[in-house]
PDB file of N, CA and C in Angstrom:
ATOM      1  N   MET A   1     -13.995   1.016  16.720  1.00  0.00           N
ATOM      2  CA  MET A   1     -14.729   1.728  15.648  1.00  0.00           C
ATOM      3  C   MET A   1     -14.667   0.419  14.450  1.00  0.00           C
ATOM      4  N   LYS A   2     -15.807   0.511  13.522  1.00  0.00           N
ATOM      5  CA  LYS A   2     -16.440  -0.224  12.726  1.00  0.00           C
ATOM      6  C   LYS A   2     -15.634   0.225  11.045  1.00  0.00           C
ATOM      7  N   ILE A   3     -14.737  -0.041  10.485  1.00  0.00           N
ATOM      8  CA  ILE A   3     -15.134   0.134   8.560  1.00  0.00           C
ATOM      9  C   ILE A   3     -15.540  -1.013   8.036  1.00  0.00           C
ATOM     10  N   SER A   4     -15.191  -0.017   7.001  1.00  0.00           N
ATOM     11  CA  SER A   4     -15.708  -1.328   5.640  1.00  0.00           C
ATOM     12  C   SER A   4     -14.640  -2.117   5.271  1.00  0.00           C
ATOM     13  N   ASN A   5     -14.661  -3.383   4.904  1.00  0.00           N
ATOM     14  CA  ASN A   5     -13.617  -4.176   4.222  1.00  0.00           C
ATOM     15  C   ASN A   5     -12.647  -3.547   3.137  1.00  0.00           C
ATOM     16  N   ASP A   6     -13.709  -2.266   2.041  1.00  0.00           N
ATOM     17  CA  ASP A   6     -12.464  -1.603   1.636  1.00  0.00           C
ATOM     18  C   ASP A   6     -11.246  -0.779   1.953  1.00  0.00           C
ATOM     19  N   MET A   7     -12.200  -0.350   3.243  1.00  0.00           N
ATOM     20  CA  MET A   7     -11.170   1.031   4.221  1.00  0.00           C
ATOM     21  C   MET A   7     -10.471  -0.034   4.472  1.00  0.00           C
ATOM     22  N   LYS A   8     -10.912  -1.269   5.562  1.00  0.00           N
ATOM     23  CA  LYS A   8     -10.179  -1.857   6.036  1.00  0.00           C
ATOM     24  C   LYS A   8      -8.403  -2.495   5.046  1.00  0.00           C
ATOM     25  N   ARG A   9      -8.834  -2.980   3.844  1.00  0.00           N
ATOM     26  CA  ARG A   9      -7.732  -3.622   2.844  1.00  0.00           C
ATOM     27  C   ARG A   9      -7.178  -2.083   2.952  1.00  0.00           C
ATOM     28  N   LYS A  10      -7.170  -0.549   2.538  1.00  0.00           N
ATOM     29  CA  LYS A  10      -6.457   0.146   1.905  1.00  0.00           C
ATOM     30  C   LYS A  10      -5.636   0.519   3.159  1.00  0.00           C
ATOM     31  N   PHE A  11      -5.911   0.617   4.608  1.00  0.00           N
ATOM     32  CA  PHE A  11      -5.591   0.614   5.406  1.00  0.00           C
ATOM     33  C   PHE A  11      -4.216  -0.366   5.920  1.00  0.00           C
ATOM     34  N   ASP A  12      -4.394  -1.506   5.595  1.00  0.00           N
ATOM     35  CA  ASP A  12      -3.790  -2.246   5.696  1.00  0.00           C
ATOM     36  C   ASP A  12      -2.421  -2.241   4.930  1.00  0.00           C
ATOM     37  N   LEU A  13      -3.066  -1.800   3.564  1.00  0.00           N
ATOM     38  CA  LEU A  13      -1.658  -1.492   2.337  1.00  0.00           C
ATOM     39  C   LEU A  13      -0.821  -0.579   2.714  1.00  0.00           C
ATOM     40  N   ILE A  14      -1.721   0.610   3.401  1.00  0.00           N
ATOM     41  CA  ILE A  14      -0.481   2.038   3.559  1.00  0.00           C
ATOM     42  C   ILE A  14       0.487   1.265   5.277  1.00  0.00           C
ATOM     43  N   ASN A  15      -0.445   0.452   5.830  1.00  0.00           N
ATOM     44  CA  ASN A  15       0.538   0.232   6.789  1.00  0.00           C
ATOM     45  C   ASN A  15       1.790  -0.492   6.298  1.00  0.00           C
ATOM     46  N   VAL A  16       1.755  -1.291   5.840  1.00  0.00           N
ATOM     47  CA  VAL A  16       3.216  -2.423   5.064  1.00  0.00           C
ATOM     48  C   VAL A  16       3.725  -1.541   3.936  1.00  0.00           C
ATOM     49  N   LEU A  17       3.087  -0.944   3.494  1.00  0.00           N
ATOM     50  CA  LEU A  17       3.796   0.193   2.475  1.00  0.00           C
ATOM     51  C   LEU A  17       4.328   1.073   3.238  1.00  0.00           C
ATOM     52  N   SER A  18       4.320   1.777   4.813  1.00  0.00           N
ATOM     53  CA  SER A  18       5.284   2.629   5.487  1.00  0.00           C
ATOM     54  C   SER A  18       6.093   1.807   6.706  1.00  0.00           C
ATOM     55  N   ARG A  19       5.585   0.526   6.496  1.00  0.00           N
ATOM     56  CA  ARG A  19       6.713  -0.387   7.415  1.00  0.00           C
ATOM     57  C   ARG A  19       7.970  -1.003   6.858  1.00  0.00           C
ATOM     58  N   SER A  20       7.249  -1.103   5.456  1.00  0.00           N
ATOM     59  CA  SER A  20       7.878  -2.282   5.090  1.00  0.00           C
ATOM     60  C   SER A  20       9.620  -1.482   3.862  1.00  0.00           C
ATOM     61  N   GLU A  21      10.468  -2.512   3.483  1.00  0.00           N
ATOM     62  CA  GLU A  21      11.312  -1.634   2.717  1.00  0.00           C
ATOM     63  C   GLU A  21      11.114  -2.209   1.367  1.00  0.00           C
ATOM     64  N   LYS A  22      10.948  -1.953   0.504  1.00  0.00           N
ATOM     65  CA  LYS A  22      10.857  -2.048  -0.843  1.00  0.00           C
ATOM     66  C   LYS A  22      10.034  -3.602  -1.143  1.00  0.00           C
ATOM     67  N   PRO A  23       8.857  -3.178  -0.855  1.00  0.00           N
ATOM     68  CA  PRO A  23       7.347  -4.812  -0.466  1.00  0.00           C
ATOM     69  C   PRO A  23       6.877  -4.606  -1.894  1.00  0.00           C
ATOM     70  N   SER A  24       7.524  -5.788  -3.035  1.00  0.00           N
ATOM     71  CA  SER A  24       6.604  -5.959  -4.167  1.00  0.00           C
ATOM     72  C   SER A  24       5.341  -6.304  -4.030  1.00  0.00           C
ATOM     73  N   LEU A  25       4.691  -6.591  -5.245  1.00  0.00           N
ATOM     74  CA  LEU A  25       3.451  -7.246  -4.977  1.00  0.00           C
ATOM     75  C   LEU A  25       2.990  -7.955  -3.973  1.00  0.00           C
ATOM     76  N   HIS A  26       3.868  -9.406  -4.597  1.00  0.00           N
ATOM     77  CA  HIS A  26       3.862 -10.197  -3.984  1.00  0.00           C
ATOM     78  C   HIS A  26       4.241 -10.455  -2.667  1.00  0.00           C
ATOM     79  N   ASP A  27       4.950  -9.306  -1.841  1.00  0.00           N
ATOM     80  CA  ASP A  27       5.069  -9.117  -0.375  1.00  0.00           C
ATOM     81  C   ASP A  27       4.330  -8.330  -0.008  1.00  0.00           C
ATOM     82  N   LEU A  28       3.489  -7.921  -0.757  1.00  0.00           N
ATOM     83  CA  LEU A  28       2.253  -6.645  -0.108  1.00  0.00           C
ATOM     84  C   LEU A  28       0.921  -8.084   0.134  1.00  0.00           C
ATOM     85  N   HIS A  29       0.879  -9.026  -0.955  1.00  0.00           N
ATOM     86  CA  HIS A  29       0.433 -10.023  -0.882  1.00  0.00           C
ATOM     87  C   HIS A  29       0.323 -10.785   0.436  1.00  0.00           C
ATOM     88  N   GLN A  30       1.100 -11.436   0.446  1.00  0.00           N
ATOM     89  CA  GLN A  30       1.831 -11.777   2.023  1.00  0.00           C
ATOM     90  C   GLN A  30       1.544 -11.351   3.267  1.00  0.00           C
ATOM     91  N   ALA A  31       1.709  -9.747   2.955  1.00  0.00           N
ATOM     92  CA  ALA A  31       1.862  -8.931   4.180  1.00  0.00           C
ATOM     93  C   ALA A  31      -0.107  -9.102   4.615  1.00  0.00           C
ATOM     94  N   THR A  32      -1.162  -8.554   3.759  1.00  0.00           N
ATOM     95  CA  THR A  32      -2.170  -8.603   3.736  1.00  0.00           C
ATOM     96  C   THR A  32      -3.058 -10.039   3.670  1.00  0.00           C
ATOM     97  N   LYS A  33      -2.680 -10.659   2.765  1.00  0.00           N
ATOM     98  CA  LYS A  33      -3.378 -11.796   2.523  1.00  0.00           C
ATOM     99  C   LYS A  33      -4.893 -11.363   1.202  1.00  0.00           C
ATOM    100  N   ILE A  34      -4.251  -9.939   0.475  1.00  0.00           N
ATOM    101  CA  ILE A  34      -5.152  -9.161  -0.075  1.00  0.00           C
ATOM    102  C   ILE A  34      -4.826  -9.700  -1.688  1.00  0.00           C
ATOM    103  N   PRO A  35      -5.781 -10.419  -2.546  1.00  0.00           N
ATOM    104  CA  PRO A  35      -5.142 -10.689  -3.781  1.00  0.00           C
ATOM    105  C   PRO A  35      -4.830  -9.994  -4.724  1.00  0.00           C
ATOM    106  N   GLU A  36      -3.377 -10.060  -5.476  1.00  0.00           N
ATOM    107  CA  GLU A  36      -2.822  -9.175  -6.009  1.00  0.00           C
ATOM    108  C   GLU A  36      -3.534  -8.145  -7.202  1.00  0.00           C
ATOM    109  N   SER A  37      -4.119  -8.900  -7.948  1.00  0.00           N
ATOM    110  CA  SER A  37      -5.344  -8.022  -8.857  1.00  0.00           C
ATOM    111  C   SER A  37      -6.029  -6.896  -8.116  1.00  0.00           C
ATOM    112  N   THR A  38      -5.916  -7.628  -6.881  1.00  0.00           N
ATOM    113  CA  THR A  38      -7.192  -6.176  -5.835  1.00  0.00           C
ATOM    114  C   THR A  38      -6.187  -5.171  -5.183  1.00  0.00           C
ATOM    115  N   ILE A  39      -5.155  -5.516  -5.278  1.00  0.00           N
ATOM    116  CA  ILE A  39      -4.264  -4.869  -4.253  1.00  0.00           C
ATOM    117  C   ILE A  39      -3.558  -3.388  -5.299  1.00  0.00           C
ATOM    118  N   LYS A  40      -3.671  -3.783  -6.502  1.00  0.00           N
ATOM    119  CA  LYS A  40      -3.388  -2.967  -7.609  1.00  0.00           C
ATOM    120  C   LYS A  40      -4.220  -1.899  -7.915  1.00  0.00           C
ATOM    121  N   ARG A  41      -5.759  -2.467  -7.697  1.00  0.00           N
ATOM    122  CA  ARG A  41      -6.663  -1.352  -7.729  1.00  0.00           C
ATOM    123  C   ARG A  41      -7.005  -0.704  -6.480  1.00  0.00           C
ATOM    124  N   GLN A  42      -6.424  -1.237  -5.323  1.00  0.00           N
ATOM    125  CA  GLN A  42      -6.535  -0.528  -3.756  1.00  0.00           C
ATOM    126  C   GLN A  42      -5.337   0.419  -3.899  1.00  0.00           C
ATOM    127  N   LEU A  43      -4.469   0.699  -4.622  1.00  0.00           N
ATOM    128  CA  LEU A  43      -3.469   0.918  -4.757  1.00  0.00           C
ATOM    129  C   LEU A  43      -3.631   2.547  -5.437  1.00  0.00           C
ATOM    130  N   SER A  44      -4.654   1.916  -6.878  1.00  0.00           N
ATOM    131  CA  SER A  44      -4.927   2.959  -7.565  1.00  0.00           C
ATOM    132  C   SER A  44      -5.994   4.311  -6.792  1.00  0.00           C
ATOM    133  N   ALA A  45      -6.673   3.345  -6.101  1.00  0.00           N
ATOM    134  CA  ALA A  45      -7.876   4.025  -4.948  1.00  0.00           C
ATOM    135  C   ALA A  45      -7.031   4.558  -3.941  1.00  0.00           C
ATOM    136  N   ILE A  46      -5.933   4.196  -3.531  1.00  0.00           N
ATOM    137  CA  ILE A  46      -5.278   5.141  -2.184  1.00  0.00           C
ATOM    138  C   ILE A  46      -4.416   6.190  -3.158  1.00  0.00           C
ATOM    139  N   ARG A  47      -3.688   6.415  -4.734  1.00  0.00           N
ATOM    140  CA  ARG A  47      -3.420   7.238  -4.930  1.00  0.00           C
ATOM    141  C   ARG A  47      -4.576   8.591  -5.027  1.00  0.00           C
ATOM    142  N   SER A  48      -5.788   7.853  -5.636  1.00  0.00           N
ATOM    143  CA  SER A  48      -6.785   9.132  -5.884  1.00  0.00           C
ATOM    144  C   SER A  48      -7.398   9.729  -4.844  1.00  0.00           C
ATOM    145  N   GLU A  49      -8.072   8.951  -3.557  1.00  0.00           N
ATOM    146  CA  GLU A  49      -8.504   9.068  -2.790  1.00  0.00           C
ATOM    147  C   GLU A  49      -7.903   9.814  -1.909  1.00  0.00           C
ATOM    148  N   PHE A  50      -6.600   9.602  -1.448  1.00  0.00           N
ATOM    149  CA  PHE A  50      -6.049  10.215  -0.778  1.00  0.00           C
ATOM    150  C   PHE A  50      -4.969  10.974  -0.980  1.00  0.00           C
ATOM    151  N   GLY A  51      -4.386  11.040  -2.230  1.00  0.00           N
ATOM    152  CA  GLY A  51      -3.763  12.154  -2.407  1.00  0.00           C
ATOM    153  C   GLY A  51      -2.238  11.765  -2.420  1.00  0.00           C
ATOM    154  N   MET A  52      -1.882  10.015  -1.753  1.00  0.00           N
ATOM    155  CA  MET A  52      -0.654   9.786  -1.761  1.00  0.00           C
ATOM    156  C   MET A  52       0.182   9.111  -2.696  1.00  0.00           C
ATOM    157  N   LYS A  53       1.307   9.017  -2.944  1.00  0.00           N
ATOM    158  CA  LYS A  53       2.535   9.045  -3.950  1.00  0.00           C
ATOM    159  C   LYS A  53       3.081   7.668  -3.380  1.00  0.00           C
ATOM    160  N   VAL A  54       2.204   6.494  -4.268  1.00  0.00           N
ATOM    161  CA  VAL A  54       2.979   5.522  -4.353  1.00  0.00           C
ATOM    162  C   VAL A  54       3.467   5.213  -5.532  1.00  0.00           C
ATOM    163  N   LEU A  55       4.790   4.810  -5.428  1.00  0.00           N
ATOM    164  CA  LEU A  55       6.028   4.536  -6.734  1.00  0.00           C
ATOM    165  C   LEU A  55       5.807   3.469  -6.806  1.00  0.00           C
ATOM    166  N   PHE A  56       5.982   2.544  -8.091  1.00  0.00           N
ATOM    167  CA  PHE A  56       6.419   1.378  -8.694  1.00  0.00           C
ATOM    168  C   PHE A  56       7.426   1.556  -8.826  1.00  0.00           C
ATOM    169  N   ILE A  57       8.534   0.674  -8.700  1.00  0.00           N
ATOM    170  CA  ILE A  57      10.137   0.994  -8.951  1.00  0.00           C
ATOM    171  C   ILE A  57      10.891  -0.226 -10.047  1.00  0.00           C
ATOM    172  N   ARG A  58      10.858  -0.213 -11.060  1.00  0.00           N
ATOM    173  CA  ARG A  58      11.149  -1.546 -11.803  1.00  0.00           C
ATOM    174  C   ARG A  58      12.532  -1.755 -11.305  1.00  0.00           C
ATOM    175  N   ASP A  59      12.350  -3.450 -11.197  1.00  0.00           N
ATOM    176  CA  ASP A  59      14.046  -3.644 -11.550  1.00  0.00           C
ATOM    177  C   ASP A  59      14.694  -3.537 -12.868  1.00  0.00           C
ATOM    178  N   THR A  60      15.740  -3.256 -12.499  1.00  0.00           N
ATOM    179  CA  THR A  60      16.550  -3.584 -14.226  1.00  0.00           C
ATOM    180  C   THR A  60      17.406  -4.798 -14.454  1.00  0.00           C
ATOM    181  N   GLY A  61      16.651  -5.607 -13.153  1.00  0.00           N
ATOM    182  CA  GLY A  61      17.338  -7.019 -13.680  1.00  0.00           C
ATOM    183  C   GLY A  61      17.677  -7.761 -15.028  1.00  0.00           C
ATOM    184  N   GLY A  62      16.549  -7.207 -16.172  1.00  0.00           N
ATOM    185  CA  GLY A  62      17.123  -7.438 -17.236  1.00  0.00           C
ATOM    186  C   GLY A  62      16.172  -8.675 -17.885  1.00  0.00           C
ATOM    187  N   GLU A  63      14.989  -8.810 -16.715  1.00  0.00           N
ATOM    188  CA  GLU A  63      13.902  -9.890 -16.740  1.00  0.00           C
ATOM    189  C   GLU A  63      12.625  -8.956 -17.218  1.00  0.00           C
ATOM    190  N   ARG A  64      12.156 -10.168 -18.063  1.00  0.00           N
ATOM    191  CA  ARG A  64      10.834  -9.665 -19.026  1.00  0.00           C
ATOM    192  C   ARG A  64       9.927  -9.163 -17.872  1.00  0.00           C
ATOM    193  N   GLY A  65       8.909  -8.338 -17.985  1.00  0.00           N
ATOM    194  CA  GLY A  65       7.708  -8.194 -16.909  1.00  0.00           C
ATOM    195  C   GLY A  65       7.669  -7.286 -16.085  1.00  0.00           C
ATOM    196  N   ALA A  66       6.644  -6.840 -15.371  1.00  0.00           N
ATOM    197  CA  ALA A  66       7.109  -5.555 -14.369  1.00  0.00           C
ATOM    198  C   ALA A  66       7.104  -6.053 -13.211  1.00  0.00           C
ATOM    199  N   THR A  67       8.190  -6.592 -12.905  1.00  0.00           N
ATOM    200  CA  THR A  67       9.175  -6.949 -11.698  1.00  0.00           C
ATOM    201  C   THR A  67       9.342  -5.592 -10.886  1.00  0.00           C
ATOM    202  N   GLY A  68       9.277  -5.744  -9.436  1.00  0.00           N
ATOM    203  CA  GLY A  68       9.832  -4.089  -8.775  1.00  0.00           C
ATOM    204  C   GLY A  68       9.216  -4.301  -7.453  1.00  0.00           C
ATOM    205  N   TYR A  69       9.567  -3.040  -6.781  1.00  0.00           N
ATOM    206  CA  TYR A  69       8.741  -2.975  -5.628  1.00  0.00           C
ATOM    207  C   TYR A  69       8.066  -1.563  -5.436  1.00  0.00           C
ATOM    208  N   TYR A  70       7.392  -0.797  -4.289  1.00  0.00           N
ATOM    209  CA  TYR A  70       6.528  -0.154  -4.174  1.00  0.00           C
ATOM    210  C   TYR A  70       7.164   0.764  -2.735  1.00  0.00           C
ATOM    211  N   ILE A  71       7.471   2.100  -3.338  1.00  0.00           N
ATOM    212  CA  ILE A  71       7.385   2.700  -2.007  1.00  0.00           C
ATOM    213  C   ILE A  71       6.519   4.282  -1.807  1.00  0.00           C
ATOM    214  N   LEU A  72       6.209   4.442  -0.313  1.00  0.00           N
ATOM    215  CA  LEU A  72       5.148   5.424  -0.049  1.00  0.00           C
ATOM    216  C   LEU A  72       6.006   6.847   0.140  1.00  0.00           C
ATOM    217  N   THR A  73       5.707   7.561  -1.019  1.00  0.00           N
ATOM    218  CA  THR A  73       6.898   8.853  -0.859  1.00  0.00           C
ATOM    219  C   THR A  73       5.909  10.194  -0.042  1.00  0.00           C
ATOM    220  N   ASP A  74       4.811  10.262  -0.042  1.00  0.00           N
ATOM    221  CA  ASP A  74       3.798  11.330   0.167  1.00  0.00           C
ATOM    222  C   ASP A  74       2.828  10.513   0.815  1.00  0.00           C
ATOM    223  N   TRP A  75       2.248  11.234   1.835  1.00  0.00           N
ATOM    224  CA  TRP A  75       1.319  10.638   2.759  1.00  0.00           C
ATOM    225  C   TRP A  75      -0.169  11.260   2.029  1.00  0.00           C
ATOM    226  N   GLY A  76       0.097  12.203   1.455  1.00  0.00           N
ATOM    227  CA  GLY A  76      -1.087  12.812   0.870  1.00  0.00           C
ATOM    228  C   GLY A  76      -2.016  13.493   2.031  1.00  0.00           C
ATOM    229  N   ILE A  77      -3.041  13.745   2.003  1.00  0.00           N
ATOM    230  CA  ILE A  77      -4.182  13.924   2.996  1.00  0.00           C
ATOM    231  C   ILE A  77      -4.414  13.239   4.607  1.00  0.00           C
ATOM    232  N   ILE A  78      -3.498  12.617   4.633  1.00  0.00           N
ATOM    233  CA  ILE A  78      -3.295  11.562   5.540  1.00  0.00           C
ATOM    234  C   ILE A  78      -2.207  11.752   6.428  1.00  0.00           C
ATOM    235  N   ASP A  79      -2.925  11.763   8.009  1.00  0.00           N
ATOM    236  CA  ASP A  79      -1.632  12.459   8.866  1.00  0.00           C
ATOM    237  C   ASP A  79      -0.990  11.036   9.217  1.00  0.00           C
ATOM    238  N   ARG A  80       0.233  10.789   8.795  1.00  0.00           N
ATOM    239  CA  ARG A  80       0.602   9.955   9.375  1.00  0.00           C
ATOM    240  C   ARG A  80       0.973   9.301  11.170  1.00  0.00           C
ATOM    241  N   ASP A  81       1.091  10.298  11.909  1.00  0.00           N
ATOM    242  CA  ASP A  81       1.032  10.010  13.079  1.00  0.00           C
ATOM    243  C   ASP A  81      -0.296   9.369  13.856  1.00  0.00           C
ATOM    244  N   ALA A  82      -1.431  10.533  13.083  1.00  0.00           N
ATOM    245  CA  ALA A  82      -2.927   9.888  13.662  1.00  0.00           C
ATOM    246  C   ALA A  82      -3.278   8.655  12.898  1.00  0.00           C
ATOM    247  N   PHE A  83      -2.408   8.168  11.685  1.00  0.00           N
ATOM    248  CA  PHE A  83      -2.776   7.308  11.058  1.00  0.00           C
ATOM    249  C   PHE A  83      -2.493   5.788  11.808  1.00  0.00           C
ATOM    250  N   PHE A  84      -1.123   6.143  12.743  1.00  0.00           N
ATOM    251  CA  PHE A  84      -0.439   4.654  13.174  1.00  0.00           C
ATOM    252  C   PHE A  84      -1.398   5.168  14.288  1.00  0.00           C
ATOM    253  N   LYS A  85      -1.576   5.791  15.060  1.00  0.00           N
ATOM    254  CA  LYS A  85      -2.450   5.785  16.869  1.00  0.00           C
ATOM    255  C   LYS A  85      -3.807   5.173  16.402  1.00  0.00           C
ATOM    256  N   HIS A  86      -4.578   5.621  15.384  1.00  0.00           N
ATOM    257  CA  HIS A  86      -5.896   4.984  14.896  1.00  0.00           C
ATOM    258  C   HIS A  86      -5.706   3.560  14.625  1.00  0.00           C
ATOM    259  N   TYR A  87      -5.234   3.210  13.720  1.00  0.00           N
ATOM    260  CA  TYR A  87      -4.539   2.099  13.306  1.00  0.00           C
ATOM    261  C   TYR A  87      -4.212   1.095  13.773  1.00  0.00           C
ATOM    262  N   MET A  88      -3.902   1.222  15.191  1.00  0.00           N
ATOM    263  CA  MET A  88      -3.574   0.098  16.414  1.00  0.00           C
ATOM    264  C   MET A  88      -4.901  -0.169  16.623  1.00  0.00           C
ATOM    265  N   MET A  89      -5.968   0.659  16.217  1.00  0.00           N
ATOM    266  CA  MET A  89      -7.167   0.073  17.477  1.00  0.00           C
ATOM    267  C   MET A  89      -7.823  -0.497  16.551  1.00  0.00           C
ATOM    268  N   LEU A  90      -7.637  -0.596  15.460  1.00  0.00           N
ATOM    269  CA  LEU A  90      -8.731  -1.340  14.678  1.00  0.00           C
ATOM    270  C   LEU A  90      -8.912  -2.785  14.824  1.00  0.00           C
TER     271      LEU A  90
END
């Protein structure tokens, strides 16, 4: 199956979000090799295009800036089992 680079990035992010516990932006970058600024755009697209709920949870360590992690709370229109079945074939 041939998919666009844009869709591959989205699928890679979804895969990491679903399998990692509390991944930070840096963790997502390390796992996918997608630039951090692109990850933010792709997460926004995943939310709007697929209706997925990807939440950013801020750490409350008192540091300034947006430190925290992401969690996938709703798969939206994506069937989770079908995603994993097809993702492994890419």
